[in-house]
N, C-alpha and C. Protein backbone atom coordinates (compact mmCIF):
# COMPACT_ATOMS: atom_id res chain seq x y z
N UNK A 1 13.99 51.13 -55.44
CA UNK A 1 14.21 53.02 -54.76
C UNK A 1 15.34 53.20 -55.77
N UNK A 2 14.24 54.44 -56.31
CA UNK A 2 15.21 55.44 -57.35
C UNK A 2 15.88 56.61 -56.54
N UNK A 3 17.40 57.14 -56.49
CA UNK A 3 17.73 58.37 -56.01
C UNK A 3 18.07 59.47 -57.01
N UNK A 4 17.61 60.52 -56.25
CA UNK A 4 17.00 61.50 -57.42
C UNK A 4 18.73 62.09 -57.83
N UNK A 5 18.71 62.58 -58.87
CA UNK A 5 20.27 62.87 -59.33
C UNK A 5 20.22 64.49 -59.56
N UNK A 6 21.20 65.40 -59.71
CA UNK A 6 21.13 66.69 -59.74
C UNK A 6 20.63 66.79 -61.12
N UNK A 7 19.63 68.15 -61.13
CA UNK A 7 18.82 68.38 -62.09
C UNK A 7 18.61 69.83 -61.65
N UNK A 8 19.88 70.52 -62.74
CA UNK A 8 19.98 71.97 -62.70
C UNK A 8 20.47 72.33 -61.27
N UNK A 9 21.39 71.45 -60.24
CA UNK A 9 21.51 72.18 -59.05
C UNK A 9 21.01 71.32 -57.84
N UNK A 10 19.71 70.70 -58.39
CA UNK A 10 18.81 70.70 -57.11
C UNK A 10 18.87 68.89 -57.33
N UNK A 11 18.67 67.91 -56.19
CA UNK A 11 18.57 66.73 -56.28
C UNK A 11 16.70 66.66 -56.71
N UNK A 12 16.62 66.27 -57.92
CA UNK A 12 15.35 65.67 -58.40
C UNK A 12 14.93 65.46 -60.05
N UNK A 13 13.47 64.87 -59.85
CA UNK A 13 13.41 64.58 -61.24
C UNK A 13 13.05 65.75 -61.84
N UNK A 14 12.72 65.38 -63.12
CA UNK A 14 13.20 66.68 -64.51
C UNK A 14 11.59 67.11 -64.45
N UNK A 15 11.72 68.80 -64.87
CA UNK A 15 10.26 69.03 -64.38
C UNK A 15 8.97 67.91 -66.04
N UNK A 16 10.06 68.11 -67.08
CA UNK A 16 9.31 66.87 -68.31
C UNK A 16 8.90 65.66 -67.27
N UNK A 17 9.33 64.87 -66.24
CA UNK A 17 8.94 63.49 -65.74
C UNK A 17 7.42 64.27 -65.18
N UNK A 18 8.07 64.98 -64.16
CA UNK A 18 6.82 65.66 -63.18
C UNK A 18 5.51 65.85 -64.42
N UNK A 19 5.68 66.45 -65.45
CA UNK A 19 4.35 66.60 -66.08
C UNK A 19 3.63 65.58 -66.58
N UNK A 20 4.66 64.67 -67.28
CA UNK A 20 4.15 63.32 -67.61
C UNK A 20 3.87 62.28 -66.88
N UNK A 21 3.81 62.41 -65.38
CA UNK A 21 3.92 61.50 -64.40
C UNK A 21 2.63 62.40 -63.41
N UNK A 22 1.47 62.53 -63.68
CA UNK A 22 0.95 63.78 -62.48
C UNK A 22 0.42 62.71 -61.39
N UNK A 23 0.40 60.87 -61.67
CA UNK A 23 0.59 60.49 -60.02
C UNK A 23 1.56 60.46 -59.04
N UNK A 24 2.42 60.64 -59.85
CA UNK A 24 4.21 61.15 -58.56
C UNK A 24 3.81 62.62 -57.99
N UNK A 25 4.15 62.31 -56.41
CA UNK A 25 3.96 63.13 -55.61
C UNK A 25 5.45 63.13 -55.44
N UNK A 26 5.83 64.12 -55.77
CA UNK A 26 7.21 64.86 -55.55
C UNK A 26 7.39 65.57 -53.92
N UNK A 27 8.12 65.22 -53.35
CA UNK A 27 8.52 66.12 -52.03
C UNK A 27 9.63 66.04 -52.09
N UNK A 28 10.07 67.75 -52.12
CA UNK A 28 11.47 68.35 -52.01
C UNK A 28 12.45 68.16 -51.23
N UNK A 29 12.04 67.34 -50.02
CA UNK A 29 13.01 67.15 -49.05
C UNK A 29 13.35 65.64 -48.89
N UNK A 30 12.91 65.23 -49.95
CA UNK A 30 13.44 63.53 -50.07
C UNK A 30 14.50 63.48 -51.52
N UNK A 31 15.34 62.23 -50.41
CA UNK A 31 16.59 62.19 -52.23
C UNK A 31 16.34 60.43 -52.72
N UNK A 32 15.12 59.99 -52.26
CA UNK A 32 14.79 58.26 -52.67
C UNK A 32 13.44 58.38 -52.66
N UNK A 33 12.60 57.54 -53.82
CA UNK A 33 10.82 58.03 -54.09
C UNK A 33 10.90 56.30 -54.67
N UNK A 34 10.42 55.24 -53.72
CA UNK A 34 10.18 54.49 -54.38
C UNK A 34 9.59 54.39 -55.50
N UNK A 35 8.88 54.99 -56.35
CA UNK A 35 7.95 55.28 -57.69
C UNK A 35 8.65 55.81 -58.68
N UNK A 36 9.60 56.50 -58.38
CA UNK A 36 10.63 57.17 -59.34
C UNK A 36 11.94 56.35 -60.19
N UNK A 37 11.36 55.83 -61.45
CA UNK A 37 12.47 55.28 -62.39
C UNK A 37 12.85 56.25 -62.75
N UNK A 38 14.81 56.37 -62.67
CA UNK A 38 15.36 57.49 -63.34
C UNK A 38 15.38 56.93 -64.81
N UNK A 39 15.75 55.81 -65.12
CA UNK A 39 16.02 55.19 -66.85
C UNK A 39 14.51 55.87 -67.46
N UNK A 40 13.55 55.98 -66.41
CA UNK A 40 12.44 56.57 -67.62
C UNK A 40 12.37 57.80 -67.82
N UNK A 41 13.15 58.65 -67.03
CA UNK A 41 13.03 60.54 -67.00
C UNK A 41 14.71 60.97 -68.33
N UNK A 42 13.80 60.93 -69.43
CA UNK A 42 14.88 61.01 -69.98
C UNK A 42 15.47 62.48 -70.45
N UNK A 43 15.19 63.38 -69.74
CA UNK A 43 15.94 64.86 -69.56
C UNK A 43 16.89 64.69 -68.33
N UNK A 44 16.83 64.00 -67.18
CA UNK A 44 17.94 63.70 -66.44
C UNK A 44 18.65 62.75 -67.31
N UNK A 45 18.08 61.90 -67.91
CA UNK A 45 19.08 60.63 -68.04
C UNK A 45 20.52 61.43 -69.12
N UNK A 46 19.63 62.34 -70.23
CA UNK A 46 20.51 62.77 -71.56
C UNK A 46 20.80 64.25 -71.45
N UNK A 47 20.51 64.73 -70.40
CA UNK A 47 20.96 66.41 -70.39
C UNK A 47 23.11 66.40 -70.28
N UNK A 48 23.20 67.82 -70.86
CA UNK A 48 24.36 67.63 -70.66
C UNK A 48 25.24 67.96 -69.36
N UNK A 49 26.00 67.18 -69.33
CA UNK A 49 26.93 67.68 -67.55
C UNK A 49 27.92 67.69 -67.73
N UNK A 50 28.55 68.38 -67.16
CA UNK A 50 30.23 68.60 -66.78
C UNK A 50 30.62 67.70 -65.76
N UNK A 51 31.82 67.27 -65.78
CA UNK A 51 32.40 67.10 -64.57
C UNK A 51 33.35 67.27 -64.16
N UNK A 52 32.59 67.34 -62.80
CA UNK A 52 33.37 68.12 -61.65
C UNK A 52 35.14 68.34 -61.14
N UNK A 53 35.17 66.90 -61.95
CA UNK A 53 36.67 66.44 -61.57
C UNK A 53 37.73 67.18 -62.90
N UNK A 54 37.23 66.05 -64.14
CA UNK A 54 38.04 66.56 -65.56
C UNK A 54 37.57 67.53 -66.06
N UNK A 55 36.28 68.05 -66.05
CA UNK A 55 35.77 68.69 -66.78
C UNK A 55 35.06 68.50 -68.30
N UNK A 56 35.02 67.08 -68.25
CA UNK A 56 34.61 66.29 -69.59
C UNK A 56 32.79 66.73 -69.38
N UNK A 57 32.70 66.59 -71.02
CA UNK A 57 30.94 66.74 -70.92
C UNK A 57 30.41 65.18 -71.00
N UNK A 58 29.22 65.04 -70.30
CA UNK A 58 28.82 63.69 -70.20
C UNK A 58 27.49 63.85 -69.86
N UNK A 59 26.84 62.70 -70.28
CA UNK A 59 25.21 62.59 -69.71
C UNK A 59 25.09 61.65 -68.85
N UNK A 60 24.08 61.19 -68.13
CA UNK A 60 24.18 60.48 -66.73
C UNK A 60 23.73 59.00 -67.28
N UNK A 61 23.13 58.99 -68.57
CA UNK A 61 23.25 57.30 -69.35
C UNK A 61 24.67 57.02 -69.86
N UNK A 62 25.52 58.02 -70.26
CA UNK A 62 27.29 57.48 -70.67
C UNK A 62 27.93 57.67 -69.22
N UNK A 63 27.46 58.46 -68.42
CA UNK A 63 28.29 57.67 -66.98
C UNK A 63 27.57 56.25 -66.39
N UNK A 64 26.63 55.91 -66.54
CA UNK A 64 26.35 55.17 -65.73
C UNK A 64 26.69 53.85 -66.85
N UNK A 65 26.96 54.20 -67.93
CA UNK A 65 27.14 52.90 -68.61
C UNK A 65 28.82 52.50 -68.53
N UNK A 66 29.65 53.79 -68.46
CA UNK A 66 31.21 53.64 -68.65
C UNK A 66 31.16 53.06 -66.96
N UNK A 67 30.66 53.51 -65.96
CA UNK A 67 31.05 53.01 -64.89
C UNK A 67 31.16 51.82 -64.62
N UNK A 68 29.30 51.27 -64.95
CA UNK A 68 29.49 49.27 -65.42
C UNK A 68 30.53 48.89 -66.38
N UNK A 69 30.63 49.39 -66.89
CA UNK A 69 31.70 48.81 -67.13
C UNK A 69 33.29 48.63 -66.81
N UNK A 70 33.50 49.91 -66.16
CA UNK A 70 34.55 49.72 -65.59
C UNK A 70 35.01 48.66 -63.94
N UNK A 71 33.50 49.23 -63.25
CA UNK A 71 33.33 48.35 -61.98
C UNK A 71 32.18 47.73 -62.18
N UNK A 72 32.51 46.54 -62.73
CA UNK A 72 31.14 45.43 -63.09
C UNK A 72 30.38 45.33 -61.64
N UNK A 73 29.42 45.12 -61.47
CA UNK A 73 28.63 44.18 -59.90
C UNK A 73 28.14 45.83 -58.94
N UNK A 74 28.80 46.89 -59.31
CA UNK A 74 28.41 48.20 -59.01
C UNK A 74 27.20 48.64 -59.15
N UNK A 75 26.69 49.57 -58.89
CA UNK A 75 25.90 50.86 -59.46
C UNK A 75 26.32 52.03 -59.45
N UNK A 76 26.43 52.88 -60.38
CA UNK A 76 26.75 54.31 -60.16
C UNK A 76 25.93 54.92 -59.38
N UNK A 77 24.68 54.68 -59.44
CA UNK A 77 23.91 55.23 -58.64
C UNK A 77 23.60 54.01 -57.36
N UNK A 78 23.33 54.57 -55.98
CA UNK A 78 23.15 55.51 -55.77
C UNK A 78 24.36 56.86 -55.16
N UNK A 79 25.85 56.22 -55.48
CA UNK A 79 26.59 56.56 -54.85
C UNK A 79 26.96 57.81 -55.71
N UNK A 80 26.78 58.26 -57.30
CA UNK A 80 27.21 59.84 -56.99
C UNK A 80 26.60 60.05 -58.12
N UNK A 81 25.97 61.53 -57.97
CA UNK A 81 24.37 62.44 -57.96
C UNK A 81 24.92 62.84 -59.50
N UNK A 82 25.61 62.81 -60.33
CA UNK A 82 25.47 63.11 -62.06
C UNK A 82 26.43 64.08 -62.03
N UNK A 83 27.18 64.32 -61.21
CA UNK A 83 28.23 65.61 -60.81
C UNK A 83 29.65 65.05 -61.29
N UNK A 84 30.22 63.54 -61.75
CA UNK A 84 30.92 63.19 -61.88
C UNK A 84 30.89 62.55 -63.18
N UNK A 85 31.82 62.23 -64.39
CA UNK A 85 31.50 61.15 -65.37
C UNK A 85 31.80 59.89 -64.88
N UNK A 86 31.58 58.87 -65.60
CA UNK A 86 31.85 57.61 -65.25
C UNK A 86 32.91 57.21 -65.01
N UNK A 87 34.22 57.87 -65.98
CA UNK A 87 35.58 57.61 -65.90
C UNK A 87 35.69 58.48 -63.96
N UNK A 88 35.88 59.39 -64.34
CA UNK A 88 35.95 59.79 -62.82
C UNK A 88 35.36 59.54 -61.44
N UNK A 89 34.33 58.78 -61.80
CA UNK A 89 33.87 58.24 -60.50
C UNK A 89 34.30 56.68 -60.57
N UNK A 90 34.57 55.81 -61.67
CA UNK A 90 35.30 54.83 -61.14
C UNK A 90 36.20 54.79 -61.01
N UNK A 91 37.43 55.83 -61.41
CA UNK A 91 38.66 56.22 -60.12
C UNK A 91 38.31 56.73 -59.12
N UNK A 92 37.11 57.11 -58.12
CA UNK A 92 37.48 57.79 -57.08
C UNK A 92 36.68 56.01 -56.59
N UNK A 93 35.92 55.45 -57.11
CA UNK A 93 35.77 53.69 -56.34
C UNK A 93 36.93 53.11 -56.07
N UNK A 94 38.12 53.06 -57.20
CA UNK A 94 39.03 52.57 -57.21
C UNK A 94 39.82 53.30 -55.83
N UNK A 95 40.18 54.21 -55.48
CA UNK A 95 40.51 54.82 -54.63
C UNK A 95 40.08 54.73 -53.74
N UNK A 96 38.80 54.60 -52.95
CA UNK A 96 37.96 54.62 -51.92
C UNK A 96 38.55 52.93 -51.44
N UNK A 97 38.66 51.85 -52.63
CA UNK A 97 39.19 50.40 -52.73
C UNK A 97 40.37 50.52 -51.82
N UNK A 98 41.52 51.31 -52.64
CA UNK A 98 42.53 51.05 -52.65
C UNK A 98 43.15 50.16 -53.31
N UNK A 99 42.60 50.73 -54.90
CA UNK A 99 43.51 49.70 -56.37
C UNK A 99 43.84 50.80 -57.14
C-alpha cells in the first residue's frame, strides 16, 4: 500500500502518473492506495521540494535514500509526506525516540 505524498500542496499522485496509468482510479479522499507505486511516479520522486525545517532543496528520492541511510530498517514513507528532507526527517525520528 502506498501513501500519496505532497504534489503541489495536495496529497496525490502526479498528473503524469494518472495520465500514463488510465486503469488507476484516484480518489481524492484517500491518502493510500494499494495499486499506486510511488517509485514508478517519476514526477513525484524527482520534483524539486524545499524542506519545511531547514529550507534545503531536495527530491523525494534523495530524502528516502538519506533517511534510509540514517535510520536503517525504517521507511521515510508513510511517516513523512515529502515536506522534510531526509536529514530533518531522521532528526525528527531521533527526537521522537529520544536519541
